[in-house]
Amino acid sequence: MEGDAYTNRGYAEEERAFIIEGWGDADVRLEINGKRRPRGRDFRYGFRHTLQGSDLIVWIKYRSTDPVGLRLTPVKSNCPN
């Protein structure tokens, strides 16, 4: 999934949350403006499991006064089946 995020009235710090329905159980990699961001204090995610499948819930905190390019990429989980 790719998209652009725009800051609110020039604020330098933004927090965004996304729900991506039907994502599945794959982990996720985040890139902001082409730079990979590790999971941690400013990038968190989890899953909501329903009868229809699993949704991805992502929370991102970033600082920018310009438009930001976001990319979420599925990553194969390291958990054994």
C-alpha atoms as a PDB file:
ATOM      1  CA  MET A   1       0.000   0.000   0.000  1.00  0.00           C
ATOM      2  CA  GLU A   2       1.343   3.418  -0.923  1.00  0.00           C
ATOM      3  CA  GLY A   3       0.033   6.893  -0.315  1.00  0.00           C
ATOM      4  CA  ASP A   4       0.829  10.457   0.528  1.00  0.00           C
ATOM      5  CA  ALA A   5       0.106  12.135   3.847  1.00  0.00           C
ATOM      6  CA  TYR A   6      -0.229  15.871   4.152  1.00  0.00           C
ATOM      7  CA  THR A   7       0.461  17.803   7.323  1.00  0.00           C
ATOM      8  CA  ASN A   8      -2.244  19.823   9.051  1.00  0.00           C
ATOM      9  CA  ARG A   9      -1.719  23.538   8.483  1.00  0.00           C
ATOM     10  CA  GLY A  10       2.079  23.238   8.524  1.00  0.00           C
ATOM     11  CA  TYR A  11       2.417  21.403  11.834  1.00  0.00           C
ATOM     12  CA  ALA A  12       5.753  19.660  12.120  1.00  0.00           C
ATOM     13  CA  GLU A  13       4.581  16.597  14.079  1.00  0.00           C
ATOM     14  CA  GLU A  14       1.825  14.257  12.927  1.00  0.00           C
ATOM     15  CA  GLU A  15       0.250  11.063  14.187  1.00  0.00           C
ATOM     16  CA  ARG A  16      -1.681   8.833  11.793  1.00  0.00           C
ATOM     17  CA  ALA A  17      -3.588   5.605  12.248  1.00  0.00           C
ATOM     18  CA  PHE A  18      -4.717   3.256   9.492  1.00  0.00           C
ATOM     19  CA  ILE A  19      -6.866   0.140   9.386  1.00  0.00           C
ATOM     20  CA  ILE A  20      -6.264  -2.051   6.344  1.00  0.00           C
ATOM     21  CA  GLU A  21      -9.030  -4.607   6.099  1.00  0.00           C
ATOM     22  CA  GLY A  22      -8.148  -8.075   4.827  1.00  0.00           C
ATOM     23  CA  TRP A  23      -4.384  -7.620   5.241  1.00  0.00           C
ATOM     24  CA  GLY A  24      -3.885 -11.168   6.515  1.00  0.00           C
ATOM     25  CA  ASP A  25      -1.269 -12.258   9.031  1.00  0.00           C
ATOM     26  CA  ALA A  26       1.866 -10.862   7.337  1.00  0.00           C
ATOM     27  CA  ASP A  27       4.052  -8.472   9.304  1.00  0.00           C
ATOM     28  CA  VAL A  28       4.583  -5.037   7.788  1.00  0.00           C
ATOM     29  CA  ARG A  29       7.530  -2.883   6.732  1.00  0.00           C
ATOM     30  CA  LEU A  30       7.148   0.911   6.741  1.00  0.00           C
ATOM     31  CA  GLU A  31       9.004   3.353   4.509  1.00  0.00           C
ATOM     32  CA  ILE A  32       8.595   7.116   4.828  1.00  0.00           C
ATOM     33  CA  ASN A  33       9.953   9.053   1.857  1.00  0.00           C
ATOM     34  CA  GLY A  34      11.909   5.950   0.821  1.00  0.00           C
ATOM     35  CA  LYS A  35      13.572   5.387   4.218  1.00  0.00           C
ATOM     36  CA  ARG A  36      12.760   2.288   6.208  1.00  0.00           C
ATOM     37  CA  ARG A  37      11.396   2.923   9.708  1.00  0.00           C
ATOM     38  CA  PRO A  38      11.793   0.214  12.347  1.00  0.00           C
ATOM     39  CA  ARG A  39       8.917  -0.897  14.526  1.00  0.00           C
ATOM     40  CA  GLY A  40       9.178   0.930  17.837  1.00  0.00           C
ATOM     41  CA  ARG A  41       8.134   4.087  19.627  1.00  0.00           C
ATOM     42  CA  ASP A  42       7.047   5.949  16.454  1.00  0.00           C
ATOM     43  CA  PHE A  43       5.760   2.988  14.424  1.00  0.00           C
ATOM     44  CA  ARG A  44       3.431   0.430  15.952  1.00  0.00           C
ATOM     45  CA  TYR A  45       1.086  -2.127  14.499  1.00  0.00           C
ATOM     46  CA  GLY A  46      -1.146  -4.997  15.448  1.00  0.00           C
ATOM     47  CA  PHE A  47      -3.893  -7.198  14.071  1.00  0.00           C
ATOM     48  CA  ARG A  48      -7.637  -7.385  14.529  1.00  0.00           C
ATOM     49  CA  HIS A  49      -8.865 -10.912  13.878  1.00  0.00           C
ATOM     50  CA  THR A  50     -12.440 -11.298  12.652  1.00  0.00           C
ATOM     51  CA  LEU A  51     -14.512 -14.094  11.140  1.00  0.00           C
ATOM     52  CA  GLN A  52     -13.738 -12.622   7.695  1.00  0.00           C
ATOM     53  CA  GLY A  53      -9.947 -12.501   8.168  1.00  0.00           C
ATOM     54  CA  SER A  54      -7.275 -10.330   9.770  1.00  0.00           C
ATOM     55  CA  ASP A  55      -7.042  -6.558   9.524  1.00  0.00           C
ATOM     56  CA  LEU A  56      -3.836  -4.576  10.029  1.00  0.00           C
ATOM     57  CA  ILE A  57      -3.930  -1.609  12.408  1.00  0.00           C
ATOM     58  CA  VAL A  58      -0.988   0.792  12.030  1.00  0.00           C
ATOM     59  CA  TRP A  59      -0.031   3.863  14.085  1.00  0.00           C
ATOM     60  CA  ILE A  60       2.717   6.193  12.839  1.00  0.00           C
ATOM     61  CA  LYS A  61       4.230   9.315  14.387  1.00  0.00           C
ATOM     62  CA  TYR A  62       6.459  11.477  12.214  1.00  0.00           C
ATOM     63  CA  ARG A  63       7.747  15.013  11.881  1.00  0.00           C
ATOM     64  CA  SER A  64       7.530  16.938   8.635  1.00  0.00           C
ATOM     65  CA  THR A  65       6.284  20.208   7.210  1.00  0.00           C
ATOM     66  CA  ASP A  66       6.159  18.778   3.678  1.00  0.00           C
ATOM     67  CA  PRO A  67       3.988  16.053   2.114  1.00  0.00           C
ATOM     68  CA  VAL A  68       5.129  12.581   3.175  1.00  0.00           C
ATOM     69  CA  GLY A  69       5.229   9.431   1.028  1.00  0.00           C
ATOM     70  CA  LEU A  70       4.211   6.331   2.986  1.00  0.00           C
ATOM     71  CA  ARG A  71       4.685   2.722   1.882  1.00  0.00           C
ATOM     72  CA  LEU A  72       3.478  -0.326   3.824  1.00  0.00           C
ATOM     73  CA  THR A  73       4.813  -3.634   2.513  1.00  0.00           C
ATOM     74  CA  PRO A  74       3.838  -7.124   3.719  1.00  0.00           C
ATOM     75  CA  VAL A  75       6.726  -9.132   5.148  1.00  0.00           C
ATOM     76  CA  LYS A  76       6.684 -12.869   5.707  1.00  0.00           C
ATOM     77  CA  SER A  77       6.485 -13.644   9.413  1.00  0.00           C
ATOM     78  CA  ASN A  78       9.422 -15.389  11.126  1.00  0.00           C
ATOM     79  CA  CYS A  79       7.030 -17.506  13.212  1.00  0.00           C
ATOM     80  CA  PRO A  80       7.108 -21.219  12.361  1.00  0.00           C
ATOM     81  CA  ASN A  81       3.814 -22.815  11.343  1.00  0.00           C
END
